[in-house]
Amino acid sequence: MLNTVGPVPLIGEGLGAEILQRADSPYEWGPGWHGYVKRYENNLAFNGVRQTISYGVASAFHEDYRYFASTDQSAWRRVRHALVSTFTARYADGSNGFSAASVASVVGASGISSLWGPRSWQNMGYMAQNASLTFAQTAAFNVIREFLPNILGRPRK
């Protein structure tokens, strides 16, 4: 539930809306407070759809798609682990493998959000771009989660 309405998504989606506001994307929503609110609401709705799909698919396939920090000491291996974790999940037997939940949720939310968005979003190119950007954001966030304890001087669990 915190992945949908907790402080991280509420703040993160607000920052994302500000980036889109400065880029005037989508242009149909225009500048000003009204445009920002539409972008913020859209980001929250996208995240809600993504989290709902993630939960459903993960339940069906018994996936734990949470981020688990690397146990490695090498910085490069930790970065690689964080990037690969964008597309992997842990299973009940302790193994890691492809995460249908992580991929289906991004692709599904990109498609569904194009339905309520402006006309410029209602095409496969937009959906592919949106999914790619979401995967990139997730990967970047995983790298931050991997190294933030070191930056803050906290021991890794």
C-alpha atoms as a PDB file:
ATOM      1  CA  MET A   1       0.000   0.000   0.000  1.00  0.00           C
ATOM      2  CA  LEU A   2       2.863   2.386   0.739  1.00  0.00           C
ATOM      3  CA  ASN A   3       4.059   1.911  -2.848  1.00  0.00           C
ATOM      4  CA  THR A   4       0.790   3.466  -3.990  1.00  0.00           C
ATOM      5  CA  VAL A   5      -0.091   6.183  -1.481  1.00  0.00           C
ATOM      6  CA  GLY A   6       2.934   6.425   0.784  1.00  0.00           C
ATOM      7  CA  PRO A   7       5.298   9.377   1.098  1.00  0.00           C
ATOM      8  CA  VAL A   8       7.750   8.158  -1.563  1.00  0.00           C
ATOM      9  CA  PRO A   9       5.200   7.959  -4.410  1.00  0.00           C
ATOM     10  CA  LEU A  10       3.416  11.134  -3.308  1.00  0.00           C
ATOM     11  CA  ILE A  11       6.655  13.127  -3.344  1.00  0.00           C
ATOM     12  CA  GLY A  12       8.157  11.298  -6.328  1.00  0.00           C
ATOM     13  CA  GLU A  13       5.084  11.758  -8.507  1.00  0.00           C
ATOM     14  CA  GLY A  14       5.021  15.431  -7.557  1.00  0.00           C
ATOM     15  CA  LEU A  15       8.633  15.832  -8.651  1.00  0.00           C
ATOM     16  CA  GLY A  16       7.861  13.927 -11.849  1.00  0.00           C
ATOM     17  CA  ALA A  17       4.934  16.250 -12.504  1.00  0.00           C
ATOM     18  CA  GLU A  18       7.261  19.236 -12.095  1.00  0.00           C
ATOM     19  CA  ILE A  19       9.682  17.805 -14.657  1.00  0.00           C
ATOM     20  CA  LEU A  20       6.809  17.248 -17.098  1.00  0.00           C
ATOM     21  CA  GLN A  21       5.499  20.746 -16.345  1.00  0.00           C
ATOM     22  CA  ARG A  22       8.839  22.321 -17.256  1.00  0.00           C
ATOM     23  CA  ALA A  23       8.946  20.227 -20.454  1.00  0.00           C
ATOM     24  CA  ASP A  24       5.305  21.161 -21.194  1.00  0.00           C
ATOM     25  CA  SER A  25       4.499  17.486 -21.667  1.00  0.00           C
ATOM     26  CA  PRO A  26       1.872  16.771 -22.679  1.00  0.00           C
ATOM     27  CA  TYR A  27       1.433  20.165 -24.297  1.00  0.00           C
ATOM     28  CA  GLU A  28      -2.367  19.737 -24.296  1.00  0.00           C
ATOM     29  CA  TRP A  29      -2.423  20.227 -20.521  1.00  0.00           C
ATOM     30  CA  GLY A  30      -0.748  23.603 -20.774  1.00  0.00           C
ATOM     31  CA  PRO A  31       1.234  25.637 -18.241  1.00  0.00           C
ATOM     32  CA  GLY A  32       0.303  26.899 -14.813  1.00  0.00           C
ATOM     33  CA  TRP A  33      -1.194  25.334 -11.752  1.00  0.00           C
ATOM     34  CA  HIS A  34      -3.990  23.594 -13.690  1.00  0.00           C
ATOM     35  CA  GLY A  35      -1.471  21.836 -15.949  1.00  0.00           C
ATOM     36  CA  TYR A  36       0.675  20.796 -12.987  1.00  0.00           C
ATOM     37  CA  VAL A  37      -2.325  19.314 -11.162  1.00  0.00           C
ATOM     38  CA  LYS A  38      -3.327  17.293 -14.243  1.00  0.00           C
ATOM     39  CA  ARG A  39       0.226  15.944 -14.544  1.00  0.00           C
ATOM     40  CA  TYR A  40       0.375  15.087 -10.835  1.00  0.00           C
ATOM     41  CA  GLU A  41      -3.010  13.350 -10.922  1.00  0.00           C
ATOM     42  CA  ASN A  42      -1.950  11.418 -14.011  1.00  0.00           C
ATOM     43  CA  ASN A  43       1.290  10.298 -12.354  1.00  0.00           C
ATOM     44  CA  LEU A  44      -0.598   9.124  -9.258  1.00  0.00           C
ATOM     45  CA  ALA A  45      -3.152   7.264 -11.388  1.00  0.00           C
ATOM     46  CA  PHE A  46      -0.381   5.639 -13.467  1.00  0.00           C
ATOM     47  CA  ASN A  47       1.332   4.514 -10.268  1.00  0.00           C
ATOM     48  CA  GLY A  48      -1.953   3.168  -8.869  1.00  0.00           C
ATOM     49  CA  VAL A  49      -2.590   1.109 -12.010  1.00  0.00           C
ATOM     50  CA  ARG A  50       1.019  -0.106 -12.039  1.00  0.00           C
ATOM     51  CA  GLN A  51       0.920  -1.178  -8.398  1.00  0.00           C
ATOM     52  CA  THR A  52      -2.428  -2.932  -8.853  1.00  0.00           C
ATOM     53  CA  ILE A  53      -1.154  -4.922 -11.835  1.00  0.00           C
ATOM     54  CA  SER A  54       2.106  -5.700  -9.981  1.00  0.00           C
ATOM     55  CA  TYR A  55       0.268  -7.072  -6.992  1.00  0.00           C
ATOM     56  CA  GLY A  56      -2.109  -9.200  -9.056  1.00  0.00           C
ATOM     57  CA  VAL A  57       0.548 -10.711 -11.300  1.00  0.00           C
ATOM     58  CA  ALA A  58       2.998 -11.238  -8.429  1.00  0.00           C
ATOM     59  CA  SER A  59       0.296 -13.044  -6.453  1.00  0.00           C
ATOM     60  CA  ALA A  60      -0.520 -15.281  -9.410  1.00  0.00           C
ATOM     61  CA  PHE A  61       3.146 -16.172 -10.055  1.00  0.00           C
ATOM     62  CA  HIS A  62       4.278 -16.130  -6.396  1.00  0.00           C
ATOM     63  CA  GLU A  63       6.845 -13.401  -7.035  1.00  0.00           C
ATOM     64  CA  ASP A  64       8.413 -11.088  -4.491  1.00  0.00           C
ATOM     65  CA  TYR A  65       9.328  -8.107  -6.654  1.00  0.00           C
ATOM     66  CA  ARG A  66      10.617  -5.910  -3.828  1.00  0.00           C
ATOM     67  CA  TYR A  67      14.151  -4.597  -4.129  1.00  0.00           C
ATOM     68  CA  PHE A  68      16.740  -6.602  -2.205  1.00  0.00           C
ATOM     69  CA  ALA A  69      20.167  -5.019  -1.755  1.00  0.00           C
ATOM     70  CA  SER A  70      23.203  -6.790  -3.129  1.00  0.00           C
ATOM     71  CA  THR A  71      25.478  -8.687  -0.777  1.00  0.00           C
ATOM     72  CA  ASP A  72      28.468  -7.940  -3.031  1.00  0.00           C
ATOM     73  CA  GLN A  73      31.162  -5.405  -2.130  1.00  0.00           C
ATOM     74  CA  SER A  74      32.137  -4.404  -5.670  1.00  0.00           C
ATOM     75  CA  ALA A  75      30.528  -1.109  -6.725  1.00  0.00           C
ATOM     76  CA  TRP A  76      30.141  -2.260 -10.347  1.00  0.00           C
ATOM     77  CA  ARG A  77      28.489  -5.526  -9.303  1.00  0.00           C
ATOM     78  CA  ARG A  78      26.141  -3.616  -7.000  1.00  0.00           C
ATOM     79  CA  VAL A  79      25.166  -1.262  -9.844  1.00  0.00           C
ATOM     80  CA  ARG A  80      24.624  -4.240 -12.138  1.00  0.00           C
ATOM     81  CA  HIS A  81      22.502  -5.927  -9.465  1.00  0.00           C
ATOM     82  CA  ALA A  82      20.381  -2.800  -9.066  1.00  0.00           C
ATOM     83  CA  LEU A  83      19.826  -2.479 -12.816  1.00  0.00           C
ATOM     84  CA  VAL A  84      18.985  -6.169 -13.330  1.00  0.00           C
ATOM     85  CA  SER A  85      16.625  -6.074 -10.334  1.00  0.00           C
ATOM     86  CA  THR A  86      14.342  -3.864 -12.406  1.00  0.00           C
ATOM     87  CA  PHE A  87      13.292  -7.018 -14.269  1.00  0.00           C
ATOM     88  CA  THR A  88      13.709  -9.756 -11.658  1.00  0.00           C
ATOM     89  CA  ALA A  89      11.906 -11.124  -8.614  1.00  0.00           C
ATOM     90  CA  ARG A  90      12.634 -13.504  -5.784  1.00  0.00           C
ATOM     91  CA  TYR A  91      10.715 -16.775  -5.566  1.00  0.00           C
ATOM     92  CA  ALA A  92       9.680 -18.900  -2.575  1.00  0.00           C
ATOM     93  CA  ASP A  93      12.612 -21.285  -3.099  1.00  0.00           C
ATOM     94  CA  GLY A  94      15.037 -18.352  -2.751  1.00  0.00           C
ATOM     95  CA  SER A  95      15.909 -18.178  -6.440  1.00  0.00           C
ATOM     96  CA  ASN A  96      15.765 -15.049  -8.560  1.00  0.00           C
ATOM     97  CA  GLY A  97      14.298 -14.919 -12.036  1.00  0.00           C
ATOM     98  CA  PHE A  98      12.371 -12.892 -14.563  1.00  0.00           C
ATOM     99  CA  SER A  99       9.568 -10.868 -12.974  1.00  0.00           C
ATOM    100  CA  ALA A 100       6.349 -11.016 -14.954  1.00  0.00           C
ATOM    101  CA  ALA A 101       4.837  -8.618 -12.409  1.00  0.00           C
ATOM    102  CA  SER A 102       7.466  -5.917 -12.898  1.00  0.00           C
ATOM    103  CA  VAL A 103       7.264  -6.021 -16.676  1.00  0.00           C
ATOM    104  CA  ALA A 104       3.503  -6.516 -17.053  1.00  0.00           C
ATOM    105  CA  SER A 105       2.765  -3.675 -14.643  1.00  0.00           C
ATOM    106  CA  VAL A 106       4.841  -1.131 -16.555  1.00  0.00           C
ATOM    107  CA  VAL A 107       3.608  -2.213 -19.976  1.00  0.00           C
ATOM    108  CA  GLY A 108       0.004  -2.442 -18.751  1.00  0.00           C
ATOM    109  CA  ALA A 109       0.026   0.924 -16.989  1.00  0.00           C
ATOM    110  CA  SER A 110       1.582   2.560 -20.064  1.00  0.00           C
ATOM    111  CA  GLY A 111      -1.198   1.187 -22.248  1.00  0.00           C
ATOM    112  CA  ILE A 112      -4.015   1.981 -19.840  1.00  0.00           C
ATOM    113  CA  SER A 113      -2.798   5.515 -19.143  1.00  0.00           C
ATOM    114  CA  SER A 114      -2.793   6.262 -22.864  1.00  0.00           C
ATOM    115  CA  LEU A 115      -6.577   5.745 -22.792  1.00  0.00           C
ATOM    116  CA  TRP A 116      -7.239   8.638 -20.403  1.00  0.00           C
ATOM    117  CA  GLY A 117      -4.464  10.892 -21.653  1.00  0.00           C
ATOM    118  CA  PRO A 118      -4.538  13.433 -24.442  1.00  0.00           C
ATOM    119  CA  ARG A 119      -4.675  12.403 -28.099  1.00  0.00           C
ATOM    120  CA  SER A 120      -0.879  12.725 -28.430  1.00  0.00           C
ATOM    121  CA  TRP A 121      -0.569   9.736 -26.050  1.00  0.00           C
ATOM    122  CA  GLN A 122      -2.893   7.429 -27.920  1.00  0.00           C
ATOM    123  CA  ASN A 123      -0.362   5.563 -30.036  1.00  0.00           C
ATOM    124  CA  MET A 124       2.120   2.724 -29.709  1.00  0.00           C
ATOM    125  CA  GLY A 125       5.121   5.052 -29.896  1.00  0.00           C
ATOM    126  CA  TYR A 126       4.016   6.936 -26.805  1.00  0.00           C
ATOM    127  CA  MET A 127       3.268   3.727 -24.933  1.00  0.00           C
ATOM    128  CA  ALA A 128       6.736   2.327 -25.757  1.00  0.00           C
ATOM    129  CA  GLN A 129       8.401   5.601 -24.755  1.00  0.00           C
ATOM    130  CA  ASN A 130       6.452   5.751 -21.493  1.00  0.00           C
ATOM    131  CA  ALA A 131       7.310   2.135 -20.631  1.00  0.00           C
ATOM    132  CA  SER A 132      11.005   2.720 -21.440  1.00  0.00           C
ATOM    133  CA  LEU A 133      11.146   5.822 -19.257  1.00  0.00           C
ATOM    134  CA  THR A 134       9.405   3.997 -16.419  1.00  0.00           C
ATOM    135  CA  PHE A 135      11.898   1.120 -16.586  1.00  0.00           C
ATOM    136  CA  ALA A 136      14.759   3.651 -16.591  1.00  0.00           C
ATOM    137  CA  GLN A 137      13.299   5.482 -13.572  1.00  0.00           C
ATOM    138  CA  THR A 138      12.886   2.197 -11.710  1.00  0.00           C
ATOM    139  CA  ALA A 139      16.477   1.206 -12.480  1.00  0.00           C
ATOM    140  CA  ALA A 140      17.770   4.594 -11.304  1.00  0.00           C
ATOM    141  CA  PHE A 141      15.722   4.341  -8.110  1.00  0.00           C
ATOM    142  CA  ASN A 142      17.154   0.844  -7.502  1.00  0.00           C
ATOM    143  CA  VAL A 143      20.697   2.234  -7.797  1.00  0.00           C
ATOM    144  CA  ILE A 144      19.798   4.944  -5.279  1.00  0.00           C
ATOM    145  CA  ARG A 145      18.349   2.331  -2.911  1.00  0.00           C
ATOM    146  CA  GLU A 146      21.490   0.236  -3.286  1.00  0.00           C
ATOM    147  CA  PHE A 147      23.917   3.020  -2.347  1.00  0.00           C
ATOM    148  CA  LEU A 148      21.868   5.367  -0.134  1.00  0.00           C
ATOM    149  CA  PRO A 149      22.699   3.470   3.076  1.00  0.00           C
ATOM    150  CA  ASN A 150      26.418   3.960   2.308  1.00  0.00           C
ATOM    151  CA  ILE A 151      25.919   7.658   1.608  1.00  0.00           C
ATOM    152  CA  LEU A 152      23.972   8.096   4.845  1.00  0.00           C
ATOM    153  CA  GLY A 153      26.553   6.087   6.807  1.00  0.00           C
ATOM    154  CA  ARG A 154      24.081   3.364   7.765  1.00  0.00           C
ATOM    155  CA  PRO A 155      25.054  -0.294   7.815  1.00  0.00           C
ATOM    156  CA  ARG A 156      23.605  -2.430   5.042  1.00  0.00           C
ATOM    157  CA  LYS A 157      21.146  -5.089   6.098  1.00  0.00           C
END
